[in-house]
Amino acid sequence: MKLAGASSRRARGVLAAGARWYVAQTHPRSEQLGQSHLERQNFRCFIPRFQTTRRQARRSVTVMAPLFPGYIFVEFCPTRDRWQSINGTMGIKHLVGASQGRPTPMPASAMNAIFERCDGNEVKSLVPDLRVGDQIRITRGPFSDQLAAIESLDHSGRVRVLLDILGRATRVEVPLRSVGPA
């Protein structure tokens, strides 16, 4: 069961009969390795990701990073599937919450909330939708706890805001991760 074409089913969170989503902890930076080996064993996997910018060799590089580093979601039915093999899979440490001989499933409401925020394996947005003119609060940096109005947004992860400094509206550019709701 290859999952490349199952993204629409995955995005809606449709499960096979009797199946639930479980969490597997991976070895450091082994999410992809664990996923590929689990999929070879016919387990359906899900690794939500988001786009981020990292410094690499003095340059900024845009990469897709796991939303939950060190963890992947695995779908299976504990009475039908050979789920014990997950703990011995390359890249996987163990299933999270396995007690009394059975793993603990993720609550359906939690998985649905994750699926609602995702498009395939990519997280759509980690911040609330922002629009030009919205009031925001700067949460980090030298202007933290200051209220500002959004003047413009760009796709590089920065926001230009109008900040009231000494009674004048001053344009300031801040990282998107440094703003929050007013």
Foldseek 3Di string as FASTA:
>chain_A
DDCPPVLVVVLQPDADPQKFKFKFFFDAPLPVVLCVQVVVLVKDKAFAWEWDWDADPNDIDIDTDTPDGRMIIIMDHVVPDPVVCSCVTHGTPGTPCCDPNRRDGDPPVVSNVQSVQDRRRYGPDPAPDDDAQAWKAFCDDPRHRFIWGFHDDDPVQKTWTFGQDPNGTDTDIDGNVRIHHD
